[in-house]
Amino acid sequence: MSSLIPSLNWLRVFEAAARHQSFARAAQELNMSAAAVSQQVLALETSLGRPLFERAPNRVTLTTEGSDFLPTVQVSLATIESKASLLFARQRVERITLLASQLMAMSWLPRVIADFERDNPLIRVDVVMEGVSRGDAPDLAIRFGDEPRLVRHPGWLMGMSHVVLGRAEDVARLDSLDDLLSSFRLFDLAPHVMGWAALLHHNFGPMPDRHLRIEIVDTTPLALVMVSQGMGLAIGHYPVCAPLAKALGLQVCPLVPRTPGPGNYYLEQPVGRPQRAAVLQLERALQAAAQVSMRAL
């Protein structure tokens, strides 16, 4: 199939020459010789059967046909560049898979990842929640453990403090421990070492004659959503759950003191995999953000 324009490069050369009104300046932009620019423009003119430029000793100007043709060429070249960037530029972006707990992924991480990607536009972080089946091991994982030795882990991220969270109107009417125990359901997570019984015992001593209205839920995010609907109170682990609690409009209940508790988050890279510079950048960014969050407490 014959074509009036067998070479896309002819159009690039024509557009540059028309924009500069100079074969020499177009040649500088395109890293070509002025003679090569002239030859390619002439080849385009010959193929089209019309002159596109009027030539003078030190400059060129577009003919009427050239002026009519130029906007179409510019729009077409821009469209090709834009589409190519959209389809293929992502291949140059380095991706990191980060494993985290549901609470971490839904509360503390999103803002940190957004800031990291803004500062590192060629890196994208894919967050995967624990329990989701994936074939490959993550590039980096945020783990949690109760062992005290984890504060000395080289990838230590943050510790935690336990607070009681409720709606503002519910927190406002808590004047005594009796109000808390008699008026609200207390949402708890079975695996947590510091549940309601341990938290109240730590701050108020043994309560053998107290009946706690404890209800077990599966996850902290679920507990906080239920609290936001006025269904009870829950224990929040700060600073990890602070962003989610704020988004749900929850407040810390001052009746129960903020209680440092067992448990630390730490970073772990897979064994036997070469360290990537992008993963180390993310690791440093997470640790820096964690320090800011811890100081805010």
C-alpha atoms as a PDB file:
ATOM      1  CA  MET A   1       0.000   0.000   0.000  1.00  0.00           C
ATOM      2  CA  SER A   2       1.498   3.320  -1.126  1.00  0.00           C
ATOM      3  CA  SER A   3       1.612   6.286   1.253  1.00  0.00           C
ATOM      4  CA  LEU A   4       2.133  10.001   0.835  1.00  0.00           C
ATOM      5  CA  ILE A   5       4.218   9.968   4.023  1.00  0.00           C
ATOM      6  CA  PRO A   6       6.326   6.792   4.152  1.00  0.00           C
ATOM      7  CA  SER A   7       8.534   8.187   6.958  1.00  0.00           C
ATOM      8  CA  LEU A   8       7.270   9.518  10.284  1.00  0.00           C
ATOM      9  CA  ASN A   9      10.647  11.200  10.765  1.00  0.00           C
ATOM     10  CA  TRP A  10       9.879  13.508   7.829  1.00  0.00           C
ATOM     11  CA  LEU A  11       7.004  14.913   9.870  1.00  0.00           C
ATOM     12  CA  ARG A  12       9.218  15.424  12.949  1.00  0.00           C
ATOM     13  CA  VAL A  13      11.758  17.288  10.837  1.00  0.00           C
ATOM     14  CA  PHE A  14       9.056  19.365   9.125  1.00  0.00           C
ATOM     15  CA  GLU A  15       7.489  20.315  12.481  1.00  0.00           C
ATOM     16  CA  ALA A  16      10.820  21.399  13.990  1.00  0.00           C
ATOM     17  CA  ALA A  17      11.788  23.411  10.894  1.00  0.00           C
ATOM     18  CA  ALA A  18       8.391  25.101  10.797  1.00  0.00           C
ATOM     19  CA  ARG A  19       8.521  25.945  14.496  1.00  0.00           C
ATOM     20  CA  HIS A  20      12.014  27.453  14.276  1.00  0.00           C
ATOM     21  CA  GLN A  21      11.599  28.814  10.743  1.00  0.00           C
ATOM     22  CA  SER A  22      15.137  27.625  10.258  1.00  0.00           C
ATOM     23  CA  PHE A  23      16.671  24.410   8.979  1.00  0.00           C
ATOM     24  CA  ALA A  24      19.821  25.114  11.005  1.00  0.00           C
ATOM     25  CA  ARG A  25      18.024  25.514  14.362  1.00  0.00           C
ATOM     26  CA  ALA A  26      15.854  22.479  13.631  1.00  0.00           C
ATOM     27  CA  ALA A  27      19.042  20.539  12.933  1.00  0.00           C
ATOM     28  CA  GLN A  28      20.458  21.555  16.335  1.00  0.00           C
ATOM     29  CA  GLU A  29      17.293  20.423  18.116  1.00  0.00           C
ATOM     30  CA  LEU A  30      17.184  17.095  16.289  1.00  0.00           C
ATOM     31  CA  ASN A  31      20.940  16.479  16.429  1.00  0.00           C
ATOM     32  CA  MET A  32      21.168  16.410  12.653  1.00  0.00           C
ATOM     33  CA  SER A  33      23.006  18.430  10.040  1.00  0.00           C
ATOM     34  CA  ALA A  34      21.210  21.305   8.313  1.00  0.00           C
ATOM     35  CA  ALA A  35      21.749  19.511   5.005  1.00  0.00           C
ATOM     36  CA  ALA A  36      20.001  16.401   6.358  1.00  0.00           C
ATOM     37  CA  VAL A  37      17.051  18.511   7.523  1.00  0.00           C
ATOM     38  CA  SER A  38      16.813  20.126   4.109  1.00  0.00           C
ATOM     39  CA  GLN A  39      16.942  16.734   2.378  1.00  0.00           C
ATOM     40  CA  GLN A  40      14.167  15.242   4.547  1.00  0.00           C
ATOM     41  CA  VAL A  41      11.928  18.285   4.088  1.00  0.00           C
ATOM     42  CA  LEU A  42      12.501  18.080   0.333  1.00  0.00           C
ATOM     43  CA  ALA A  43      11.631  14.371   0.393  1.00  0.00           C
ATOM     44  CA  LEU A  44       8.337  15.175   2.182  1.00  0.00           C
ATOM     45  CA  GLU A  45       7.545  17.954  -0.282  1.00  0.00           C
ATOM     46  CA  THR A  46       8.280  15.649  -3.208  1.00  0.00           C
ATOM     47  CA  SER A  47       6.041  12.933  -1.788  1.00  0.00           C
ATOM     48  CA  LEU A  48       3.186  15.399  -1.175  1.00  0.00           C
ATOM     49  CA  GLY A  49       3.674  17.135  -4.514  1.00  0.00           C
ATOM     50  CA  ARG A  50       3.593  20.616  -2.947  1.00  0.00           C
ATOM     51  CA  PRO A  51       6.246  22.944  -1.474  1.00  0.00           C
ATOM     52  CA  LEU A  52       5.866  23.453   2.254  1.00  0.00           C
ATOM     53  CA  PHE A  53       8.491  26.193   2.689  1.00  0.00           C
ATOM     54  CA  GLU A  54       9.615  29.286   0.866  1.00  0.00           C
ATOM     55  CA  ARG A  55      13.368  29.344   1.142  1.00  0.00           C
ATOM     56  CA  ALA A  56      15.482  32.449   1.737  1.00  0.00           C
ATOM     57  CA  PRO A  57      19.257  32.631   2.401  1.00  0.00           C
ATOM     58  CA  ASN A  58      18.975  32.785   6.218  1.00  0.00           C
ATOM     59  CA  ARG A  59      15.439  31.609   7.002  1.00  0.00           C
ATOM     60  CA  VAL A  60      12.512  29.662   5.694  1.00  0.00           C
ATOM     61  CA  THR A  61       8.803  30.479   5.909  1.00  0.00           C
ATOM     62  CA  LEU A  62       5.804  28.251   5.487  1.00  0.00           C
ATOM     63  CA  THR A  63       3.770  28.283   2.324  1.00  0.00           C
ATOM     64  CA  THR A  64      -0.012  28.400   2.551  1.00  0.00           C
ATOM     65  CA  GLU A  65      -0.124  24.615   2.258  1.00  0.00           C
ATOM     66  CA  GLY A  66       2.601  24.280   4.895  1.00  0.00           C
ATOM     67  CA  SER A  67       0.702  26.533   7.314  1.00  0.00           C
ATOM     68  CA  ASP A  68      -2.463  24.498   6.826  1.00  0.00           C
ATOM     69  CA  PHE A  69      -0.566  21.218   7.295  1.00  0.00           C
ATOM     70  CA  LEU A  70       1.433  22.187  10.402  1.00  0.00           C
ATOM     71  CA  PRO A  71      -1.359  22.082  13.091  1.00  0.00           C
ATOM     72  CA  THR A  72      -2.402  18.586  11.999  1.00  0.00           C
ATOM     73  CA  VAL A  73       1.193  17.370  12.155  1.00  0.00           C
ATOM     74  CA  GLN A  74       1.730  18.877  15.619  1.00  0.00           C
ATOM     75  CA  VAL A  75      -1.487  17.393  17.044  1.00  0.00           C
ATOM     76  CA  SER A  76      -0.696  13.979  15.534  1.00  0.00           C
ATOM     77  CA  LEU A  77       2.868  13.889  16.880  1.00  0.00           C
ATOM     78  CA  ALA A  78       1.689  15.003  20.341  1.00  0.00           C
ATOM     79  CA  THR A  79      -0.999  12.316  20.345  1.00  0.00           C
ATOM     80  CA  ILE A  80       1.526   9.617  19.465  1.00  0.00           C
ATOM     81  CA  GLU A  81       3.923  10.785  22.211  1.00  0.00           C
ATOM     82  CA  SER A  82       1.143  10.979  24.784  1.00  0.00           C
ATOM     83  CA  LYS A  83      -0.190   7.527  23.977  1.00  0.00           C
ATOM     84  CA  ALA A  84       3.278   6.004  23.968  1.00  0.00           C
ATOM     85  CA  SER A  85       4.001   7.555  27.364  1.00  0.00           C
ATOM     86  CA  LEU A  86       0.726   6.252  28.770  1.00  0.00           C
ATOM     87  CA  LEU A  87       1.236   2.719  27.479  1.00  0.00           C
ATOM     88  CA  PHE A  88       4.952   2.210  27.833  1.00  0.00           C
ATOM     89  CA  ALA A  89       6.436   4.676  30.349  1.00  0.00           C
ATOM     90  CA  ARG A  90       5.098   2.533  33.208  1.00  0.00           C
ATOM     91  CA  GLN A  91       7.596  -0.120  32.193  1.00  0.00           C
ATOM     92  CA  ARG A  92      10.335   2.161  33.498  1.00  0.00           C
ATOM     93  CA  VAL A  93       8.641   2.450  36.889  1.00  0.00           C
ATOM     94  CA  GLU A  94      10.089   0.150  39.536  1.00  0.00           C
ATOM     95  CA  ARG A  95       7.498  -1.668  41.622  1.00  0.00           C
ATOM     96  CA  ILE A  96       7.858  -2.819  45.232  1.00  0.00           C
ATOM     97  CA  THR A  97       5.515  -5.281  46.916  1.00  0.00           C
ATOM     98  CA  LEU A  98       4.940  -4.430  50.584  1.00  0.00           C
ATOM     99  CA  LEU A  99       3.160  -6.863  52.906  1.00  0.00           C
ATOM    100  CA  ALA A 100       1.333  -5.430  55.924  1.00  0.00           C
ATOM    101  CA  SER A 101      -1.447  -6.214  58.357  1.00  0.00           C
ATOM    102  CA  GLN A 102      -4.975  -5.076  57.599  1.00  0.00           C
ATOM    103  CA  LEU A 103      -4.839  -2.325  60.223  1.00  0.00           C
ATOM    104  CA  MET A 104      -1.479  -1.057  58.990  1.00  0.00           C
ATOM    105  CA  ALA A 105      -2.640  -1.118  55.360  1.00  0.00           C
ATOM    106  CA  MET A 106      -5.921   0.657  56.107  1.00  0.00           C
ATOM    107  CA  SER A 107      -4.691   3.252  58.588  1.00  0.00           C
ATOM    108  CA  TRP A 108      -1.056   4.281  58.888  1.00  0.00           C
ATOM    109  CA  LEU A 109       0.421   3.224  55.553  1.00  0.00           C
ATOM    110  CA  PRO A 110      -1.636   5.088  52.900  1.00  0.00           C
ATOM    111  CA  ARG A 111      -0.378   8.570  53.766  1.00  0.00           C
ATOM    112  CA  VAL A 112       3.205   7.350  54.145  1.00  0.00           C
ATOM    113  CA  ILE A 113       3.115   5.547  50.781  1.00  0.00           C
ATOM    114  CA  ALA A 114       1.546   8.555  49.077  1.00  0.00           C
ATOM    115  CA  ASP A 115       4.342  10.815  50.355  1.00  0.00           C
ATOM    116  CA  PHE A 116       6.992   8.284  49.323  1.00  0.00           C
ATOM    117  CA  GLU A 117       5.643   7.936  45.780  1.00  0.00           C
ATOM    118  CA  ARG A 118       5.387  11.709  45.455  1.00  0.00           C
ATOM    119  CA  ASP A 119       9.063  12.041  46.375  1.00  0.00           C
ATOM    120  CA  ASN A 120      10.048   9.024  44.231  1.00  0.00           C
ATOM    121  CA  PRO A 121       7.946   9.230  41.051  1.00  0.00           C
ATOM    122  CA  LEU A 122       9.686   6.254  39.415  1.00  0.00           C
ATOM    123  CA  ILE A 123       8.802   3.880  42.263  1.00  0.00           C
ATOM    124  CA  ARG A 124       5.379   2.383  42.910  1.00  0.00           C
ATOM    125  CA  VAL A 125       4.484   0.484  46.083  1.00  0.00           C
ATOM    126  CA  ASP A 126       1.932  -2.324  45.861  1.00  0.00           C
ATOM    127  CA  VAL A 127       0.520  -2.972  49.333  1.00  0.00           C
ATOM    128  CA  VAL A 128      -0.657  -6.521  50.013  1.00  0.00           C
ATOM    129  CA  MET A 129      -2.497  -7.393  53.214  1.00  0.00           C
ATOM    130  CA  GLU A 130      -1.560 -10.405  55.292  1.00  0.00           C
ATOM    131  CA  GLY A 131      -3.685 -13.411  54.523  1.00  0.00           C
ATOM    132  CA  VAL A 132      -4.004 -12.597  50.827  1.00  0.00           C
ATOM    133  CA  SER A 133      -2.606 -15.425  48.749  1.00  0.00           C
ATOM    134  CA  ARG A 134       0.264 -14.453  46.426  1.00  0.00           C
ATOM    135  CA  GLY A 135       2.681 -16.610  44.511  1.00  0.00           C
ATOM    136  CA  ASP A 136       5.804 -14.526  45.101  1.00  0.00           C
ATOM    137  CA  ALA A 137       7.311 -13.423  48.389  1.00  0.00           C
ATOM    138  CA  PRO A 138       6.985  -9.663  49.014  1.00  0.00           C
ATOM    139  CA  ASP A 139       9.968  -7.374  48.535  1.00  0.00           C
ATOM    140  CA  LEU A 140       9.435  -6.021  52.044  1.00  0.00           C
ATOM    141  CA  ALA A 141       7.139  -6.992  54.914  1.00  0.00           C
ATOM    142  CA  ILE A 142       5.951  -5.150  58.010  1.00  0.00           C
ATOM    143  CA  ARG A 143       5.814  -7.796  60.720  1.00  0.00           C
ATOM    144  CA  PHE A 144       4.457  -7.681  64.250  1.00  0.00           C
ATOM    145  CA  GLY A 145       5.680  -9.522  67.300  1.00  0.00           C
ATOM    146  CA  ASP A 146       5.282  -9.458  71.093  1.00  0.00           C
ATOM    147  CA  GLU A 147       8.867 -10.349  71.973  1.00  0.00           C
ATOM    148  CA  PRO A 148      10.665  -7.555  73.903  1.00  0.00           C
ATOM    149  CA  ARG A 149      13.882  -8.230  71.949  1.00  0.00           C
ATOM    150  CA  LEU A 150      12.250  -6.793  68.813  1.00  0.00           C
ATOM    151  CA  VAL A 151      13.018  -3.242  69.960  1.00  0.00           C
ATOM    152  CA  ARG A 152      16.632  -4.076  69.033  1.00  0.00           C
ATOM    153  CA  HIS A 153      15.725  -5.512  65.627  1.00  0.00           C
ATOM    154  CA  PRO A 154      17.668  -3.686  62.864  1.00  0.00           C
ATOM    155  CA  GLY A 155      14.403  -3.177  61.000  1.00  0.00           C
ATOM    156  CA  TRP A 156      12.473  -1.958  64.061  1.00  0.00           C
ATOM    157  CA  LEU A 157       9.672   0.358  62.999  1.00  0.00           C
ATOM    158  CA  MET A 158       7.582   1.326  66.020  1.00  0.00           C
ATOM    159  CA  GLY A 159       6.134   0.214  69.310  1.00  0.00           C
ATOM    160  CA  MET A 160       2.565   0.755  70.382  1.00  0.00           C
ATOM    161  CA  SER A 161       0.426   2.291  73.062  1.00  0.00           C
ATOM    162  CA  HIS A 162      -3.105   1.192  73.908  1.00  0.00           C
ATOM    163  CA  VAL A 163      -5.923   3.718  74.168  1.00  0.00           C
ATOM    164  CA  VAL A 164      -9.683   3.479  74.453  1.00  0.00           C
ATOM    165  CA  LEU A 165     -11.547   4.917  71.472  1.00  0.00           C
ATOM    166  CA  GLY A 166     -15.143   6.032  71.200  1.00  0.00           C
ATOM    167  CA  ARG A 167     -17.396   8.567  69.529  1.00  0.00           C
ATOM    168  CA  ALA A 168     -17.035  12.107  70.855  1.00  0.00           C
ATOM    169  CA  GLU A 169     -20.522  12.063  72.388  1.00  0.00           C
ATOM    170  CA  ASP A 170     -19.853   8.742  74.093  1.00  0.00           C
ATOM    171  CA  VAL A 171     -16.450   9.788  75.439  1.00  0.00           C
ATOM    172  CA  ALA A 172     -18.011  12.982  76.838  1.00  0.00           C
ATOM    173  CA  ARG A 173     -20.359  11.048  79.136  1.00  0.00           C
ATOM    174  CA  LEU A 174     -17.684   8.770  80.598  1.00  0.00           C
ATOM    175  CA  ASP A 175     -17.062  10.235  84.053  1.00  0.00           C
ATOM    176  CA  SER A 176     -16.136   7.040  85.872  1.00  0.00           C
ATOM    177  CA  LEU A 177     -15.103   3.471  85.376  1.00  0.00           C
ATOM    178  CA  ASP A 178     -18.646   2.435  86.300  1.00  0.00           C
ATOM    179  CA  ASP A 179     -19.955   4.461  83.336  1.00  0.00           C
ATOM    180  CA  LEU A 180     -17.600   2.597  81.018  1.00  0.00           C
ATOM    181  CA  LEU A 181     -18.394  -0.856  82.345  1.00  0.00           C
ATOM    182  CA  SER A 182     -22.164  -0.452  82.643  1.00  0.00           C
ATOM    183  CA  SER A 183     -23.010   1.505  79.510  1.00  0.00           C
ATOM    184  CA  PHE A 184     -20.957   0.091  76.666  1.00  0.00           C
ATOM    185  CA  ARG A 185     -20.085  -3.075  74.857  1.00  0.00           C
ATOM    186  CA  LEU A 186     -16.333  -3.543  74.758  1.00  0.00           C
ATOM    187  CA  PHE A 187     -14.978  -4.846  71.468  1.00  0.00           C
ATOM    188  CA  ASP A 188     -11.936  -7.048  71.757  1.00  0.00           C
ATOM    189  CA  LEU A 189      -9.660  -9.103  69.516  1.00  0.00           C
ATOM    190  CA  ALA A 190      -8.865 -12.540  70.883  1.00  0.00           C
ATOM    191  CA  PRO A 191      -5.213 -12.701  69.677  1.00  0.00           C
ATOM    192  CA  HIS A 192      -4.222  -9.425  71.358  1.00  0.00           C
ATOM    193  CA  VAL A 193      -2.162  -9.724  74.507  1.00  0.00           C
ATOM    194  CA  MET A 194      -3.467  -6.396  75.819  1.00  0.00           C
ATOM    195  CA  GLY A 195      -7.230  -6.863  75.677  1.00  0.00           C
ATOM    196  CA  TRP A 196      -9.861  -5.209  77.854  1.00  0.00           C
ATOM    197  CA  ALA A 197      -9.261  -7.415  80.876  1.00  0.00           C
ATOM    198  CA  ALA A 198      -5.501  -6.823  80.846  1.00  0.00           C
ATOM    199  CA  LEU A 199      -5.843  -3.089  80.108  1.00  0.00           C
ATOM    200  CA  LEU A 200      -8.316  -2.443  82.930  1.00  0.00           C
ATOM    201  CA  HIS A 201      -6.357  -4.601  85.358  1.00  0.00           C
ATOM    202  CA  HIS A 202      -3.158  -2.721  84.518  1.00  0.00           C
ATOM    203  CA  ASN A 203      -4.744   0.685  85.175  1.00  0.00           C
ATOM    204  CA  PHE A 204      -7.391  -0.019  87.850  1.00  0.00           C
ATOM    205  CA  GLY A 205      -6.274  -3.207  89.552  1.00  0.00           C
ATOM    206  CA  PRO A 206      -8.161  -6.524  89.931  1.00  0.00           C
ATOM    207  CA  MET A 207     -11.905  -6.430  89.331  1.00  0.00           C
ATOM    208  CA  PRO A 208     -13.095  -9.911  90.329  1.00  0.00           C
ATOM    209  CA  ASP A 209     -16.693  -8.820  90.865  1.00  0.00           C
ATOM    210  CA  ARG A 210     -17.015  -6.939  87.591  1.00  0.00           C
ATOM    211  CA  HIS A 211     -18.772  -8.427  84.604  1.00  0.00           C
ATOM    212  CA  LEU A 212     -17.208  -7.087  81.416  1.00  0.00           C
ATOM    213  CA  ARG A 213     -19.470  -6.928  78.376  1.00  0.00           C
ATOM    214  CA  ILE A 214     -16.728  -8.031  76.006  1.00  0.00           C
ATOM    215  CA  GLU A 215     -17.519  -9.008  72.429  1.00  0.00           C
ATOM    216  CA  ILE A 216     -14.912 -10.558  70.157  1.00  0.00           C
ATOM    217  CA  VAL A 217     -14.474  -9.173  66.630  1.00  0.00           C
ATOM    218  CA  ASP A 218     -12.135 -10.281  63.854  1.00  0.00           C
ATOM    219  CA  THR A 219     -10.104  -7.146  63.145  1.00  0.00           C
ATOM    220  CA  THR A 220      -9.327  -3.748  64.627  1.00  0.00           C
ATOM    221  CA  PRO A 221     -10.701  -1.865  61.583  1.00  0.00           C
ATOM    222  CA  LEU A 222     -14.011  -3.693  62.002  1.00  0.00           C
ATOM    223  CA  ALA A 223     -14.061  -2.859  65.712  1.00  0.00           C
ATOM    224  CA  LEU A 224     -13.431   0.836  65.005  1.00  0.00           C
ATOM    225  CA  VAL A 225     -16.151   0.991  62.372  1.00  0.00           C
ATOM    226  CA  MET A 226     -18.601  -0.547  64.849  1.00  0.00           C
ATOM    227  CA  VAL A 227     -17.528   2.009  67.448  1.00  0.00           C
ATOM    228  CA  SER A 228     -18.097   4.826  64.952  1.00  0.00           C
ATOM    229  CA  GLN A 229     -21.716   3.636  64.660  1.00  0.00           C
ATOM    230  CA  GLY A 230     -22.260   3.994  68.404  1.00  0.00           C
ATOM    231  CA  MET A 231     -22.134   0.281  69.147  1.00  0.00           C
ATOM    232  CA  GLY A 232     -19.510   0.391  71.903  1.00  0.00           C
ATOM    233  CA  LEU A 233     -15.874   1.106  72.687  1.00  0.00           C
ATOM    234  CA  ALA A 234     -12.674  -0.447  71.396  1.00  0.00           C
ATOM    235  CA  ILE A 235      -8.989  -0.514  72.196  1.00  0.00           C
ATOM    236  CA  GLY A 236      -6.861   1.254  69.626  1.00  0.00           C
ATOM    237  CA  HIS A 237      -3.175   0.722  69.066  1.00  0.00           C
ATOM    238  CA  TYR A 238      -1.424   4.047  68.608  1.00  0.00           C
ATOM    239  CA  PRO A 239       0.134   5.337  66.452  1.00  0.00           C
ATOM    240  CA  VAL A 240      -0.870   2.706  63.870  1.00  0.00           C
ATOM    241  CA  CYS A 241      -4.620   3.170  64.147  1.00  0.00           C
ATOM    242  CA  ALA A 242      -4.561   6.956  64.659  1.00  0.00           C
ATOM    243  CA  PRO A 243      -5.306   7.907  61.006  1.00  0.00           C
ATOM    244  CA  LEU A 244      -8.224   5.488  60.768  1.00  0.00           C
ATOM    245  CA  ALA A 245      -9.627   6.616  64.127  1.00  0.00           C
ATOM    246  CA  LYS A 246      -9.412  10.239  63.006  1.00  0.00           C
ATOM    247  CA  ALA A 247     -11.108   9.449  59.690  1.00  0.00           C
ATOM    248  CA  LEU A 248     -13.967   7.784  61.575  1.00  0.00           C
ATOM    249  CA  GLY A 249     -14.317  10.724  63.964  1.00  0.00           C
ATOM    250  CA  LEU A 250     -13.263   8.765  67.047  1.00  0.00           C
ATOM    251  CA  GLN A 251     -11.664  10.254  70.151  1.00  0.00           C
ATOM    252  CA  VAL A 252      -9.360   8.908  72.831  1.00  0.00           C
ATOM    253  CA  CYS A 253     -11.091   8.378  76.153  1.00  0.00           C
ATOM    254  CA  PRO A 254      -9.026  10.145  78.871  1.00  0.00           C
ATOM    255  CA  LEU A 255     -10.603   8.013  81.581  1.00  0.00           C
ATOM    256  CA  VAL A 256      -8.254   5.146  80.697  1.00  0.00           C
ATOM    257  CA  PRO A 257      -4.616   6.304  80.541  1.00  0.00           C
ATOM    258  CA  ARG A 258      -2.596   5.695  77.398  1.00  0.00           C
ATOM    259  CA  THR A 259      -0.838   2.443  78.198  1.00  0.00           C
ATOM    260  CA  PRO A 260       2.437   1.322  76.578  1.00  0.00           C
ATOM    261  CA  GLY A 261       2.046  -2.312  75.775  1.00  0.00           C
ATOM    262  CA  PRO A 262       3.824  -5.318  74.381  1.00  0.00           C
ATOM    263  CA  GLY A 263       4.278  -5.542  70.665  1.00  0.00           C
ATOM    264  CA  ASN A 264       6.521  -4.021  68.031  1.00  0.00           C
ATOM    265  CA  TYR A 265       6.346  -3.566  64.282  1.00  0.00           C
ATOM    266  CA  TYR A 266       9.508  -4.284  62.336  1.00  0.00           C
ATOM    267  CA  LEU A 267      10.610  -4.539  58.707  1.00  0.00           C
ATOM    268  CA  GLU A 268      11.752  -7.773  57.155  1.00  0.00           C
ATOM    269  CA  GLN A 269      13.238  -8.467  53.731  1.00  0.00           C
ATOM    270  CA  PRO A 270      13.142 -11.968  52.193  1.00  0.00           C
ATOM    271  CA  VAL A 271      16.220 -14.088  52.827  1.00  0.00           C
ATOM    272  CA  GLY A 272      18.491 -14.800  49.879  1.00  0.00           C
ATOM    273  CA  ARG A 273      17.187 -12.025  47.640  1.00  0.00           C
ATOM    274  CA  PRO A 274      19.601  -9.256  46.539  1.00  0.00           C
ATOM    275  CA  GLN A 275      18.855  -5.912  48.135  1.00  0.00           C
ATOM    276  CA  ARG A 276      17.377  -3.384  45.729  1.00  0.00           C
ATOM    277  CA  ALA A 277      18.117   0.308  46.145  1.00  0.00           C
ATOM    278  CA  ALA A 278      14.409   1.162  45.809  1.00  0.00           C
ATOM    279  CA  VAL A 279      13.492  -1.245  48.631  1.00  0.00           C
ATOM    280  CA  LEU A 280      16.129   0.302  50.890  1.00  0.00           C
ATOM    281  CA  GLN A 281      14.723   3.759  50.061  1.00  0.00           C
ATOM    282  CA  LEU A 282      11.256   2.611  51.079  1.00  0.00           C
ATOM    283  CA  GLU A 283      12.601   1.029  54.250  1.00  0.00           C
ATOM    284  CA  ARG A 284      14.280   4.298  55.291  1.00  0.00           C
ATOM    285  CA  ALA A 285      11.142   6.288  54.461  1.00  0.00           C
ATOM    286  CA  LEU A 286       8.966   3.989  56.575  1.00  0.00           C
ATOM    287  CA  GLN A 287      11.325   4.231  59.542  1.00  0.00           C
ATOM    288  CA  ALA A 288      11.511   8.029  59.272  1.00  0.00           C
ATOM    289  CA  ALA A 289       7.717   8.315  59.136  1.00  0.00           C
ATOM    290  CA  ALA A 290       7.388   5.951  62.092  1.00  0.00           C
ATOM    291  CA  GLN A 291       9.717   8.126  64.166  1.00  0.00           C
ATOM    292  CA  VAL A 292       7.546  11.152  63.410  1.00  0.00           C
ATOM    293  CA  SER A 293       4.426   9.226  64.454  1.00  0.00           C
ATOM    294  CA  MET A 294       6.024   8.014  67.655  1.00  0.00           C
ATOM    295  CA  ARG A 295       7.155  11.520  68.599  1.00  0.00           C
ATOM    296  CA  ALA A 296       3.617  12.802  68.006  1.00  0.00           C
ATOM    297  CA  LEU A 297       2.426  10.602  70.884  1.00  0.00           C
END
